[in-house]
Amino acid sequence: MSDQLNFGLIGTGWIGRFHAESLASRVSGAALAAVADPNTEAAQSIGAPRAYADPMELIGDSTIDAVAISSPAATHADLVVAAAEAGKHVFCEKPMALTLDDADRAIRAAEEAGVALQVGFNRRFASDFASARDAIAAGSIGTPQLLRSLTRDPGISAEVAARVKPWTIFNETLIHDFDTLCWLNPGARVVEVYAQAAALIHPQFADAGYLDTSVVQLRFDNGAFGTAEASFQASYGYDVRAEIFGSEGVLLAGRAPQRAGRLNTELFHDAYVAQFAHFVDCVRTGKTPRVTGHDARVALEIALAAAESVRTGAPVALEATVRS
């Protein structure tokens, strides 16, 4: 391996383009060597040394040390497995998979290949969220009792809403909040999930399974309760916050609503860069990434339970599994 870790990026949507810029110029020790996207014009516009239409060609490129996956969610698990089997270290955007079987398959492939696997839960790398987690772990607010995490997007057009797949609000939006709530309650695991969701912004798409507003209640095995909420339309801007109330105090993370940004790359610019810097360090040193495939599985299990709860109108109990 050279002095720099050569990345191949798969997927050139808005987050893929931001990751490309970071790998090319913001992350020390990283280099953007290649990009893959079926839209060859989009791939070539990134300006990487090599552009592929087929992601498997990128994965087969012998000069690539690590693969960053920012393609559509349904492709993630297969790409993680392919990259790992090719001996490439893997950074994968959330969700890592859309089924628990696929999550297990991705985790197993990385473990068997002995490569690093990190998932893009960027809030763990935001300074205010990380400070809150450190304070909780140090016992500064006693035992967490009530936790809240929210994600509010600045808006969604009818044209975009019509293309949103069922359960996206859980699998791709609230999955961030599920991970955050588990991370901010160290050592505890979620044992029950109850979710409500509706199409309040674009009700004309409700019959197609579209959901844009949700509240999810979590019960942890240490007695704490968590609430995750999401809306696809906050008129004042992109809004991400958390509150952790404990037996001896309370902690907050995130910007006040009046300071919300229009893009999450505005709110989490430094966190997006920091997660890749951490990944590069893990590859170099052999350390386990701060956000593992197992963490991604935990959040996915909650997301799937939330969807089931909406389908049935009842709480869903989770099996006893190992939590991080």
C-alpha atoms as a PDB file:
ATOM      1  CA  MET A   1       0.000   0.000   0.000  1.00  0.00           C
ATOM      2  CA  SER A   2       1.312   3.431  -0.911  1.00  0.00           C
ATOM      3  CA  ASP A   3       1.561   6.401   1.445  1.00  0.00           C
ATOM      4  CA  GLN A   4      -1.976   7.307   0.422  1.00  0.00           C
ATOM      5  CA  LEU A   5      -5.035   5.082   0.604  1.00  0.00           C
ATOM      6  CA  ASN A   6      -6.452   4.896  -2.914  1.00  0.00           C
ATOM      7  CA  PHE A   7     -10.244   5.045  -2.879  1.00  0.00           C
ATOM      8  CA  GLY A   8     -12.719   3.957  -5.476  1.00  0.00           C
ATOM      9  CA  LEU A   9     -16.097   5.678  -5.076  1.00  0.00           C
ATOM     10  CA  ILE A  10     -19.305   3.980  -6.228  1.00  0.00           C
ATOM     11  CA  GLY A  11     -22.285   6.286  -6.765  1.00  0.00           C
ATOM     12  CA  THR A  12     -22.240   9.963  -7.752  1.00  0.00           C
ATOM     13  CA  GLY A  13     -25.436  11.327  -6.245  1.00  0.00           C
ATOM     14  CA  TRP A  14     -25.281  14.418  -4.048  1.00  0.00           C
ATOM     15  CA  ILE A  15     -23.632  12.630  -1.102  1.00  0.00           C
ATOM     16  CA  GLY A  16     -21.352  10.698  -3.440  1.00  0.00           C
ATOM     17  CA  ARG A  17     -20.147  13.928  -4.971  1.00  0.00           C
ATOM     18  CA  PHE A  18     -19.458  15.385  -1.538  1.00  0.00           C
ATOM     19  CA  HIS A  19     -17.534  12.264  -0.530  1.00  0.00           C
ATOM     20  CA  ALA A  20     -15.571  12.481  -3.782  1.00  0.00           C
ATOM     21  CA  GLU A  21     -14.536  16.043  -2.976  1.00  0.00           C
ATOM     22  CA  SER A  22     -13.535  15.016   0.547  1.00  0.00           C
ATOM     23  CA  LEU A  23     -11.460  12.058  -0.595  1.00  0.00           C
ATOM     24  CA  ALA A  24      -9.802  14.139  -3.272  1.00  0.00           C
ATOM     25  CA  SER A  25      -8.903  17.152  -1.161  1.00  0.00           C
ATOM     26  CA  ARG A  26     -10.110  17.134   2.470  1.00  0.00           C
ATOM     27  CA  VAL A  27      -8.929  13.848   3.991  1.00  0.00           C
ATOM     28  CA  SER A  28      -5.248  13.484   4.802  1.00  0.00           C
ATOM     29  CA  GLY A  29      -3.837  10.177   3.614  1.00  0.00           C
ATOM     30  CA  ALA A  30      -6.647   9.569   1.113  1.00  0.00           C
ATOM     31  CA  ALA A  31      -6.716   9.840  -2.670  1.00  0.00           C
ATOM     32  CA  LEU A  32      -9.650   9.505  -5.044  1.00  0.00           C
ATOM     33  CA  ALA A  33      -8.374   7.093  -7.696  1.00  0.00           C
ATOM     34  CA  ALA A  34     -11.574   6.040  -9.471  1.00  0.00           C
ATOM     35  CA  VAL A  35     -15.329   6.558  -9.641  1.00  0.00           C
ATOM     36  CA  ALA A  36     -18.091   4.240 -10.848  1.00  0.00           C
ATOM     37  CA  ASP A  37     -21.646   5.084 -11.856  1.00  0.00           C
ATOM     38  CA  PRO A  38     -23.960   3.718 -14.584  1.00  0.00           C
ATOM     39  CA  ASN A  39     -24.357   7.356 -15.614  1.00  0.00           C
ATOM     40  CA  THR A  40     -20.958   7.626 -17.268  1.00  0.00           C
ATOM     41  CA  GLU A  41     -21.301  11.363 -17.804  1.00  0.00           C
ATOM     42  CA  ALA A  42     -21.834  11.860 -14.068  1.00  0.00           C
ATOM     43  CA  ALA A  43     -18.910   9.577 -13.256  1.00  0.00           C
ATOM     44  CA  GLN A  44     -16.577  11.398 -15.632  1.00  0.00           C
ATOM     45  CA  SER A  45     -17.660  14.790 -14.285  1.00  0.00           C
ATOM     46  CA  ILE A  46     -16.136  13.981 -10.881  1.00  0.00           C
ATOM     47  CA  GLY A  47     -12.674  14.309 -12.389  1.00  0.00           C
ATOM     48  CA  ALA A  48     -11.145  11.176 -10.864  1.00  0.00           C
ATOM     49  CA  PRO A  49      -8.235   9.582 -12.743  1.00  0.00           C
ATOM     50  CA  ARG A  50     -10.473   6.687 -13.846  1.00  0.00           C
ATOM     51  CA  ALA A  51     -14.248   6.432 -14.374  1.00  0.00           C
ATOM     52  CA  TYR A  52     -16.213   3.214 -14.774  1.00  0.00           C
ATOM     53  CA  ALA A  53     -19.824   2.501 -15.699  1.00  0.00           C
ATOM     54  CA  ASP A  54     -19.721  -0.883 -13.946  1.00  0.00           C
ATOM     55  CA  PRO A  55     -18.883  -0.858 -10.215  1.00  0.00           C
ATOM     56  CA  MET A  56     -17.477  -4.373 -10.509  1.00  0.00           C
ATOM     57  CA  GLU A  57     -14.772  -3.031 -12.798  1.00  0.00           C
ATOM     58  CA  LEU A  58     -13.824  -0.512 -10.133  1.00  0.00           C
ATOM     59  CA  ILE A  59     -13.774  -3.231  -7.470  1.00  0.00           C
ATOM     60  CA  GLY A  60     -11.513  -5.291  -9.740  1.00  0.00           C
ATOM     61  CA  ASP A  61      -9.077  -2.395 -10.205  1.00  0.00           C
ATOM     62  CA  SER A  62      -5.812  -3.568  -8.610  1.00  0.00           C
ATOM     63  CA  THR A  63      -4.767  -0.013  -7.719  1.00  0.00           C
ATOM     64  CA  ILE A  64      -7.770   0.482  -5.414  1.00  0.00           C
ATOM     65  CA  ASP A  65      -7.177  -0.074  -1.689  1.00  0.00           C
ATOM     66  CA  ALA A  66     -10.618   0.863  -0.374  1.00  0.00           C
ATOM     67  CA  VAL A  67     -14.113   1.259  -1.761  1.00  0.00           C
ATOM     68  CA  ALA A  68     -16.570   3.960  -0.667  1.00  0.00           C
ATOM     69  CA  ILE A  69     -20.163   2.967  -1.441  1.00  0.00           C
ATOM     70  CA  SER A  70     -22.730   5.743  -1.925  1.00  0.00           C
ATOM     71  CA  SER A  71     -24.963   4.078  -4.508  1.00  0.00           C
ATOM     72  CA  PRO A  72     -28.712   3.378  -3.953  1.00  0.00           C
ATOM     73  CA  ALA A  73     -29.461   1.485  -0.736  1.00  0.00           C
ATOM     74  CA  ALA A  74     -30.650  -1.689  -2.449  1.00  0.00           C
ATOM     75  CA  THR A  75     -27.170  -2.195  -3.950  1.00  0.00           C
ATOM     76  CA  HIS A  76     -25.164  -1.791  -0.756  1.00  0.00           C
ATOM     77  CA  ALA A  77     -24.972  -5.326   0.614  1.00  0.00           C
ATOM     78  CA  ASP A  78     -23.914  -6.911  -2.676  1.00  0.00           C
ATOM     79  CA  LEU A  79     -21.260  -4.255  -3.203  1.00  0.00           C
ATOM     80  CA  VAL A  80     -19.894  -4.656   0.338  1.00  0.00           C
ATOM     81  CA  VAL A  81     -19.580  -8.407  -0.238  1.00  0.00           C
ATOM     82  CA  ALA A  82     -17.953  -7.989  -3.658  1.00  0.00           C
ATOM     83  CA  ALA A  83     -15.467  -5.406  -2.394  1.00  0.00           C
ATOM     84  CA  ALA A  84     -14.559  -7.442   0.675  1.00  0.00           C
ATOM     85  CA  GLU A  85     -14.079 -10.604  -1.366  1.00  0.00           C
ATOM     86  CA  ALA A  86     -11.739  -8.610  -3.613  1.00  0.00           C
ATOM     87  CA  GLY A  87      -9.682  -7.668  -0.555  1.00  0.00           C
ATOM     88  CA  LYS A  88     -10.766  -4.027  -0.483  1.00  0.00           C
ATOM     89  CA  HIS A  89     -11.492  -2.164   2.719  1.00  0.00           C
ATOM     90  CA  VAL A  90     -15.079  -0.877   2.708  1.00  0.00           C
ATOM     91  CA  PHE A  91     -16.783   2.331   3.735  1.00  0.00           C
ATOM     92  CA  CYS A  92     -20.522   2.027   3.111  1.00  0.00           C
ATOM     93  CA  GLU A  93     -23.193   4.666   3.415  1.00  0.00           C
ATOM     94  CA  LYS A  94     -26.211   3.766   5.540  1.00  0.00           C
ATOM     95  CA  PRO A  95     -28.132   1.562   5.365  1.00  0.00           C
ATOM     96  CA  MET A  96     -25.543  -1.163   4.884  1.00  0.00           C
ATOM     97  CA  ALA A  97     -28.342  -3.540   3.885  1.00  0.00           C
ATOM     98  CA  LEU A  98     -32.131  -3.704   3.701  1.00  0.00           C
ATOM     99  CA  THR A  99     -32.569  -7.165   5.273  1.00  0.00           C
ATOM    100  CA  LEU A 100     -30.926  -8.752   8.287  1.00  0.00           C
ATOM    101  CA  ASP A 101     -29.783 -11.691   6.163  1.00  0.00           C
ATOM    102  CA  ASP A 102     -27.987  -9.294   3.823  1.00  0.00           C
ATOM    103  CA  ALA A 103     -26.493  -7.423   6.772  1.00  0.00           C
ATOM    104  CA  ASP A 104     -25.140 -10.698   8.154  1.00  0.00           C
ATOM    105  CA  ARG A 105     -23.781 -11.603   4.727  1.00  0.00           C
ATOM    106  CA  ALA A 106     -21.929  -8.279   4.462  1.00  0.00           C
ATOM    107  CA  ILE A 107     -20.507  -8.527   7.971  1.00  0.00           C
ATOM    108  CA  ARG A 108     -19.361 -12.093   7.380  1.00  0.00           C
ATOM    109  CA  ALA A 109     -17.675 -11.208   4.081  1.00  0.00           C
ATOM    110  CA  ALA A 110     -15.641  -8.426   5.685  1.00  0.00           C
ATOM    111  CA  GLU A 111     -14.665 -10.565   8.661  1.00  0.00           C
ATOM    112  CA  GLU A 112     -13.604 -13.503   6.495  1.00  0.00           C
ATOM    113  CA  ALA A 113     -11.579 -11.218   4.220  1.00  0.00           C
ATOM    114  CA  GLY A 114      -9.962  -9.430   7.149  1.00  0.00           C
ATOM    115  CA  VAL A 115     -10.844  -5.979   5.787  1.00  0.00           C
ATOM    116  CA  ALA A 116     -12.138  -2.911   7.596  1.00  0.00           C
ATOM    117  CA  LEU A 117     -15.869  -2.238   7.291  1.00  0.00           C
ATOM    118  CA  GLN A 118     -17.236   1.124   8.426  1.00  0.00           C
ATOM    119  CA  VAL A 119     -20.779   2.461   7.962  1.00  0.00           C
ATOM    120  CA  GLY A 120     -21.671   6.116   7.442  1.00  0.00           C
ATOM    121  CA  PHE A 121     -23.432   7.121  10.642  1.00  0.00           C
ATOM    122  CA  ASN A 122     -21.818  10.531  10.548  1.00  0.00           C
ATOM    123  CA  ARG A 123     -23.453  11.948  13.697  1.00  0.00           C
ATOM    124  CA  ARG A 124     -21.020   9.911  15.778  1.00  0.00           C
ATOM    125  CA  PHE A 125     -18.260  12.138  14.355  1.00  0.00           C
ATOM    126  CA  ALA A 126     -19.983  15.487  15.019  1.00  0.00           C
ATOM    127  CA  SER A 127     -18.216  17.226  17.897  1.00  0.00           C
ATOM    128  CA  ASP A 128     -21.351  18.067  19.894  1.00  0.00           C
ATOM    129  CA  PHE A 129     -22.821  14.571  19.583  1.00  0.00           C
ATOM    130  CA  ALA A 130     -19.464  12.987  20.421  1.00  0.00           C
ATOM    131  CA  SER A 131     -19.065  15.249  23.473  1.00  0.00           C
ATOM    132  CA  ALA A 132     -22.513  14.243  24.697  1.00  0.00           C
ATOM    133  CA  ARG A 133     -21.663  10.563  24.285  1.00  0.00           C
ATOM    134  CA  ASP A 134     -18.390  10.992  26.199  1.00  0.00           C
ATOM    135  CA  ALA A 135     -20.193  12.796  29.023  1.00  0.00           C
ATOM    136  CA  ILE A 136     -22.842  10.075  29.239  1.00  0.00           C
ATOM    137  CA  ALA A 137     -20.203   7.334  29.289  1.00  0.00           C
ATOM    138  CA  ALA A 138     -18.423   9.230  32.093  1.00  0.00           C
ATOM    139  CA  GLY A 139     -21.631   9.245  34.138  1.00  0.00           C
ATOM    140  CA  SER A 140     -22.136  13.010  34.118  1.00  0.00           C
ATOM    141  CA  ILE A 141     -25.937  12.767  33.835  1.00  0.00           C
ATOM    142  CA  GLY A 142     -26.356   9.523  35.718  1.00  0.00           C
ATOM    143  CA  THR A 143     -28.408   6.810  34.058  1.00  0.00           C
ATOM    144  CA  PRO A 144     -30.094   7.777  30.773  1.00  0.00           C
ATOM    145  CA  GLN A 145     -33.866   7.659  31.179  1.00  0.00           C
ATOM    146  CA  LEU A 146     -35.407   9.617  28.295  1.00  0.00           C
ATOM    147  CA  LEU A 147     -33.662  10.018  24.942  1.00  0.00           C
ATOM    148  CA  ARG A 148     -34.855  11.900  21.877  1.00  0.00           C
ATOM    149  CA  SER A 149     -33.389  12.188  18.373  1.00  0.00           C
ATOM    150  CA  LEU A 150     -34.934  13.948  15.411  1.00  0.00           C
ATOM    151  CA  THR A 151     -34.309  14.452  11.712  1.00  0.00           C
ATOM    152  CA  ARG A 152     -36.225  17.066   9.752  1.00  0.00           C
ATOM    153  CA  ASP A 153     -35.423  17.603   6.100  1.00  0.00           C
ATOM    154  CA  PRO A 154     -35.955  21.059   4.549  1.00  0.00           C
ATOM    155  CA  GLY A 155     -38.559  19.905   2.037  1.00  0.00           C
ATOM    156  CA  ILE A 156     -39.573  17.375  -0.593  1.00  0.00           C
ATOM    157  CA  SER A 157     -41.239  18.107  -3.916  1.00  0.00           C
ATOM    158  CA  ALA A 158     -44.134  16.071  -5.257  1.00  0.00           C
ATOM    159  CA  GLU A 159     -41.906  14.921  -8.106  1.00  0.00           C
ATOM    160  CA  VAL A 160     -39.350  13.489  -5.684  1.00  0.00           C
ATOM    161  CA  ALA A 161     -41.981  12.121  -3.296  1.00  0.00           C
ATOM    162  CA  ALA A 162     -43.517  10.096  -6.117  1.00  0.00           C
ATOM    163  CA  ARG A 163     -40.214   8.190  -6.458  1.00  0.00           C
ATOM    164  CA  VAL A 164     -39.648   7.518  -2.757  1.00  0.00           C
ATOM    165  CA  LYS A 165     -39.755   3.808  -1.977  1.00  0.00           C
ATOM    166  CA  PRO A 166     -41.919   2.432   0.860  1.00  0.00           C
ATOM    167  CA  TRP A 167     -40.269   2.452   4.280  1.00  0.00           C
ATOM    168  CA  THR A 168     -37.572   4.920   3.212  1.00  0.00           C
ATOM    169  CA  ILE A 169     -38.380   7.058   6.239  1.00  0.00           C
ATOM    170  CA  PHE A 170     -37.193   4.198   8.470  1.00  0.00           C
ATOM    171  CA  ASN A 171     -34.494   2.555   6.340  1.00  0.00           C
ATOM    172  CA  GLU A 172     -32.726   5.702   5.151  1.00  0.00           C
ATOM    173  CA  THR A 173     -33.779   8.631   7.371  1.00  0.00           C
ATOM    174  CA  LEU A 174     -34.667   7.493  10.892  1.00  0.00           C
ATOM    175  CA  ILE A 175     -31.989   4.807  10.771  1.00  0.00           C
ATOM    176  CA  HIS A 176     -29.608   7.650  11.697  1.00  0.00           C
ATOM    177  CA  ASP A 177     -31.713   8.401  14.769  1.00  0.00           C
ATOM    178  CA  PHE A 178     -31.950   4.736  15.745  1.00  0.00           C
ATOM    179  CA  ASP A 179     -28.171   4.479  15.680  1.00  0.00           C
ATOM    180  CA  THR A 180     -27.822   7.739  17.598  1.00  0.00           C
ATOM    181  CA  LEU A 181     -30.216   6.660  20.349  1.00  0.00           C
ATOM    182  CA  CYS A 182     -28.444   3.315  20.808  1.00  0.00           C
ATOM    183  CA  TRP A 183     -25.033   4.992  20.817  1.00  0.00           C
ATOM    184  CA  LEU A 184     -26.130   7.588  23.387  1.00  0.00           C
ATOM    185  CA  ASN A 185     -27.360   4.859  25.747  1.00  0.00           C
ATOM    186  CA  PRO A 186     -24.123   2.866  26.129  1.00  0.00           C
ATOM    187  CA  GLY A 187     -24.447  -0.805  26.959  1.00  0.00           C
ATOM    188  CA  ALA A 188     -28.231  -0.875  26.572  1.00  0.00           C
ATOM    189  CA  ARG A 189     -30.233  -2.535  23.834  1.00  0.00           C
ATOM    190  CA  VAL A 190     -33.652  -1.882  22.355  1.00  0.00           C
ATOM    191  CA  VAL A 191     -36.203  -4.538  23.297  1.00  0.00           C
ATOM    192  CA  GLU A 192     -39.416  -3.024  21.896  1.00  0.00           C
ATOM    193  CA  VAL A 193     -40.346  -0.713  19.007  1.00  0.00           C
ATOM    194  CA  TYR A 194     -43.647   1.085  18.387  1.00  0.00           C
ATOM    195  CA  ALA A 195     -44.009   3.325  15.355  1.00  0.00           C
ATOM    196  CA  GLN A 196     -46.607   5.595  13.805  1.00  0.00           C
ATOM    197  CA  ALA A 197     -46.185   7.154  10.367  1.00  0.00           C
ATOM    198  CA  ALA A 198     -48.218   8.966   7.724  1.00  0.00           C
ATOM    199  CA  ALA A 199     -48.034  10.952   4.507  1.00  0.00           C
ATOM    200  CA  LEU A 200     -48.803  14.419   5.856  1.00  0.00           C
ATOM    201  CA  ILE A 201     -46.828  16.426   3.300  1.00  0.00           C
ATOM    202  CA  HIS A 202     -47.905  14.586   0.142  1.00  0.00           C
ATOM    203  CA  PRO A 203     -50.979  12.515   1.105  1.00  0.00           C
ATOM    204  CA  GLN A 204     -51.701  11.831  -2.578  1.00  0.00           C
ATOM    205  CA  PHE A 205     -48.957   9.174  -2.517  1.00  0.00           C
ATOM    206  CA  ALA A 206     -50.070   7.396   0.660  1.00  0.00           C
ATOM    207  CA  ASP A 207     -51.685   4.501  -1.206  1.00  0.00           C
ATOM    208  CA  ALA A 208     -48.325   3.727  -2.836  1.00  0.00           C
ATOM    209  CA  GLY A 209     -46.706   3.254   0.567  1.00  0.00           C
ATOM    210  CA  TYR A 210     -45.150   6.717   0.749  1.00  0.00           C
ATOM    211  CA  LEU A 211     -44.511   8.048   4.278  1.00  0.00           C
ATOM    212  CA  ASP A 212     -43.006  11.420   5.156  1.00  0.00           C
ATOM    213  CA  THR A 213     -43.729  11.934   8.873  1.00  0.00           C
ATOM    214  CA  SER A 214     -43.108   9.529  11.742  1.00  0.00           C
ATOM    215  CA  VAL A 215     -42.651   9.107  15.475  1.00  0.00           C
ATOM    216  CA  VAL A 216     -41.026   5.934  16.815  1.00  0.00           C
ATOM    217  CA  GLN A 217     -40.912   4.919  20.460  1.00  0.00           C
ATOM    218  CA  LEU A 218     -38.128   2.630  21.711  1.00  0.00           C
ATOM    219  CA  ARG A 219     -37.883   0.767  25.003  1.00  0.00           C
ATOM    220  CA  PHE A 220     -34.412  -0.215  26.214  1.00  0.00           C
ATOM    221  CA  ASP A 221     -33.473  -3.086  28.497  1.00  0.00           C
ATOM    222  CA  ASN A 222     -32.016  -0.651  31.066  1.00  0.00           C
ATOM    223  CA  GLY A 223     -35.455   0.924  31.536  1.00  0.00           C
ATOM    224  CA  ALA A 224     -34.844   3.983  29.359  1.00  0.00           C
ATOM    225  CA  PHE A 225     -37.279   5.202  26.716  1.00  0.00           C
ATOM    226  CA  GLY A 226     -36.256   6.654  23.374  1.00  0.00           C
ATOM    227  CA  THR A 227     -38.167   8.706  20.842  1.00  0.00           C
ATOM    228  CA  ALA A 228     -37.117   9.158  17.214  1.00  0.00           C
ATOM    229  CA  GLU A 229     -39.032  11.493  14.948  1.00  0.00           C
ATOM    230  CA  ALA A 230     -38.737  12.572  11.341  1.00  0.00           C
ATOM    231  CA  SER A 231     -40.357  14.925   8.867  1.00  0.00           C
ATOM    232  CA  PHE A 232     -39.420  15.465   5.243  1.00  0.00           C
ATOM    233  CA  GLN A 233     -40.458  19.130   5.356  1.00  0.00           C
ATOM    234  CA  ALA A 234     -39.145  21.651   7.856  1.00  0.00           C
ATOM    235  CA  SER A 235     -39.800  25.100   6.406  1.00  0.00           C
ATOM    236  CA  TYR A 236     -36.916  26.599   8.373  1.00  0.00           C
ATOM    237  CA  GLY A 237     -34.211  24.208   7.119  1.00  0.00           C
ATOM    238  CA  TYR A 238     -32.428  20.933   7.823  1.00  0.00           C
ATOM    239  CA  ASP A 239     -32.793  20.135  11.514  1.00  0.00           C
ATOM    240  CA  VAL A 240     -30.984  17.414  13.479  1.00  0.00           C
ATOM    241  CA  ARG A 241     -30.943  17.384  17.272  1.00  0.00           C
ATOM    242  CA  ALA A 242     -30.750  15.070  20.259  1.00  0.00           C
ATOM    243  CA  GLU A 243     -31.622  15.326  23.950  1.00  0.00           C
ATOM    244  CA  ILE A 244     -30.560  12.893  26.638  1.00  0.00           C
ATOM    245  CA  PHE A 245     -32.252  13.193  30.033  1.00  0.00           C
ATOM    246  CA  GLY A 246     -30.674  11.229  32.845  1.00  0.00           C
ATOM    247  CA  SER A 247     -31.127  10.635  36.556  1.00  0.00           C
ATOM    248  CA  GLU A 248     -28.699  13.475  37.311  1.00  0.00           C
ATOM    249  CA  GLY A 249     -28.962  15.916  34.403  1.00  0.00           C
ATOM    250  CA  VAL A 250     -29.628  16.551  30.740  1.00  0.00           C
ATOM    251  CA  LEU A 251     -27.499  16.982  27.604  1.00  0.00           C
ATOM    252  CA  LEU A 252     -28.298  18.483  24.212  1.00  0.00           C
ATOM    253  CA  ALA A 253     -26.657  18.098  20.797  1.00  0.00           C
ATOM    254  CA  GLY A 254     -27.390  19.796  17.492  1.00  0.00           C
ATOM    255  CA  ARG A 255     -28.254  23.297  16.358  1.00  0.00           C
ATOM    256  CA  ALA A 256     -31.249  25.295  17.516  1.00  0.00           C
ATOM    257  CA  PRO A 257     -34.000  25.350  14.841  1.00  0.00           C
ATOM    258  CA  GLN A 258     -33.453  28.997  13.925  1.00  0.00           C
ATOM    259  CA  ARG A 259     -29.869  28.122  12.944  1.00  0.00           C
ATOM    260  CA  ALA A 260     -30.754  25.049  10.905  1.00  0.00           C
ATOM    261  CA  GLY A 261     -29.010  24.612   7.564  1.00  0.00           C
ATOM    262  CA  ARG A 262     -30.422  23.960   4.128  1.00  0.00           C
ATOM    263  CA  LEU A 263     -28.260  20.862   3.558  1.00  0.00           C
ATOM    264  CA  ASN A 264     -26.985  18.186   5.906  1.00  0.00           C
ATOM    265  CA  THR A 265     -23.519  18.648   4.409  1.00  0.00           C
ATOM    266  CA  GLU A 266     -23.715  22.172   5.828  1.00  0.00           C
ATOM    267  CA  LEU A 267     -24.623  20.940   9.321  1.00  0.00           C
ATOM    268  CA  PHE A 268     -22.248  17.958   9.275  1.00  0.00           C
ATOM    269  CA  HIS A 269     -19.444  19.059   6.958  1.00  0.00           C
ATOM    270  CA  ASP A 270     -16.712  18.364   9.515  1.00  0.00           C
ATOM    271  CA  ALA A 271     -18.303  15.093  10.617  1.00  0.00           C
ATOM    272  CA  TYR A 272     -18.441  13.787   7.050  1.00  0.00           C
ATOM    273  CA  VAL A 273     -14.731  14.494   6.686  1.00  0.00           C
ATOM    274  CA  ALA A 274     -13.848  13.152  10.139  1.00  0.00           C
ATOM    275  CA  GLN A 275     -15.503   9.793   9.483  1.00  0.00           C
ATOM    276  CA  PHE A 276     -13.239   9.221   6.475  1.00  0.00           C
ATOM    277  CA  ALA A 277     -10.167  10.381   8.397  1.00  0.00           C
ATOM    278  CA  HIS A 278     -11.072   7.816  11.056  1.00  0.00           C
ATOM    279  CA  PHE A 279     -11.566   5.111   8.430  1.00  0.00           C
ATOM    280  CA  VAL A 280      -8.151   5.813   6.894  1.00  0.00           C
ATOM    281  CA  ASP A 281      -6.565   5.617  10.348  1.00  0.00           C
ATOM    282  CA  CYS A 282      -8.285   2.297  11.057  1.00  0.00           C
ATOM    283  CA  VAL A 283      -7.026   0.803   7.805  1.00  0.00           C
ATOM    284  CA  ARG A 284      -3.498   2.026   8.545  1.00  0.00           C
ATOM    285  CA  THR A 285      -3.400   0.850  12.164  1.00  0.00           C
ATOM    286  CA  GLY A 286      -5.663  -2.182  12.090  1.00  0.00           C
ATOM    287  CA  LYS A 287      -8.043  -0.655  14.649  1.00  0.00           C
ATOM    288  CA  THR A 288     -11.731  -1.534  14.545  1.00  0.00           C
ATOM    289  CA  PRO A 289     -13.798   1.308  13.055  1.00  0.00           C
ATOM    290  CA  ARG A 290     -15.953   3.296  15.444  1.00  0.00           C
ATOM    291  CA  VAL A 291     -19.068   2.347  13.454  1.00  0.00           C
ATOM    292  CA  THR A 292     -19.073  -1.329  12.523  1.00  0.00           C
ATOM    293  CA  GLY A 293     -21.246  -3.555  10.406  1.00  0.00           C
ATOM    294  CA  HIS A 294     -22.727  -4.875  13.634  1.00  0.00           C
ATOM    295  CA  ASP A 295     -23.781  -1.335  14.583  1.00  0.00           C
ATOM    296  CA  ALA A 296     -25.444  -1.012  11.192  1.00  0.00           C
ATOM    297  CA  ARG A 297     -27.306  -4.271  11.788  1.00  0.00           C
ATOM    298  CA  VAL A 298     -28.625  -3.034  15.144  1.00  0.00           C
ATOM    299  CA  ALA A 299     -30.049   0.126  13.552  1.00  0.00           C
ATOM    300  CA  LEU A 300     -31.500  -1.865  10.642  1.00  0.00           C
ATOM    301  CA  GLU A 301     -33.233  -4.276  13.002  1.00  0.00           C
ATOM    302  CA  ILE A 302     -34.984  -1.325  14.642  1.00  0.00           C
ATOM    303  CA  ALA A 303     -35.915   0.154  11.251  1.00  0.00           C
ATOM    304  CA  LEU A 304     -37.453  -3.140  10.140  1.00  0.00           C
ATOM    305  CA  ALA A 305     -39.331  -3.424  13.426  1.00  0.00           C
ATOM    306  CA  ALA A 306     -40.677   0.119  12.961  1.00  0.00           C
ATOM    307  CA  ALA A 307     -42.052  -0.819   9.549  1.00  0.00           C
ATOM    308  CA  GLU A 308     -43.635  -3.942  11.016  1.00  0.00           C
ATOM    309  CA  SER A 309     -45.173  -1.878  13.803  1.00  0.00           C
ATOM    310  CA  VAL A 310     -46.768   0.464  11.265  1.00  0.00           C
ATOM    311  CA  ARG A 311     -48.107  -2.522   9.336  1.00  0.00           C
ATOM    312  CA  THR A 312     -49.640  -4.130  12.424  1.00  0.00           C
ATOM    313  CA  GLY A 313     -50.431  -1.105  14.578  1.00  0.00           C
ATOM    314  CA  ALA A 314     -48.756  -2.836  17.525  1.00  0.00           C
ATOM    315  CA  PRO A 315     -45.414  -2.750  19.339  1.00  0.00           C
ATOM    316  CA  VAL A 316     -42.763  -5.161  18.072  1.00  0.00           C
ATOM    317  CA  ALA A 317     -40.507  -7.048  20.479  1.00  0.00           C
ATOM    318  CA  LEU A 318     -36.899  -7.557  19.409  1.00  0.00           C
ATOM    319  CA  GLU A 319     -34.927 -10.725  19.933  1.00  0.00           C
ATOM    320  CA  ALA A 320     -32.087 -10.631  22.437  1.00  0.00           C
ATOM    321  CA  THR A 321     -28.999  -9.924  20.351  1.00  0.00           C
ATOM    322  CA  VAL A 322     -25.584  -8.495  21.095  1.00  0.00           C
ATOM    323  CA  ARG A 323     -25.579  -4.702  21.067  1.00  0.00           C
ATOM    324  CA  SER A 324     -22.680  -2.267  20.819  1.00  0.00           C
END
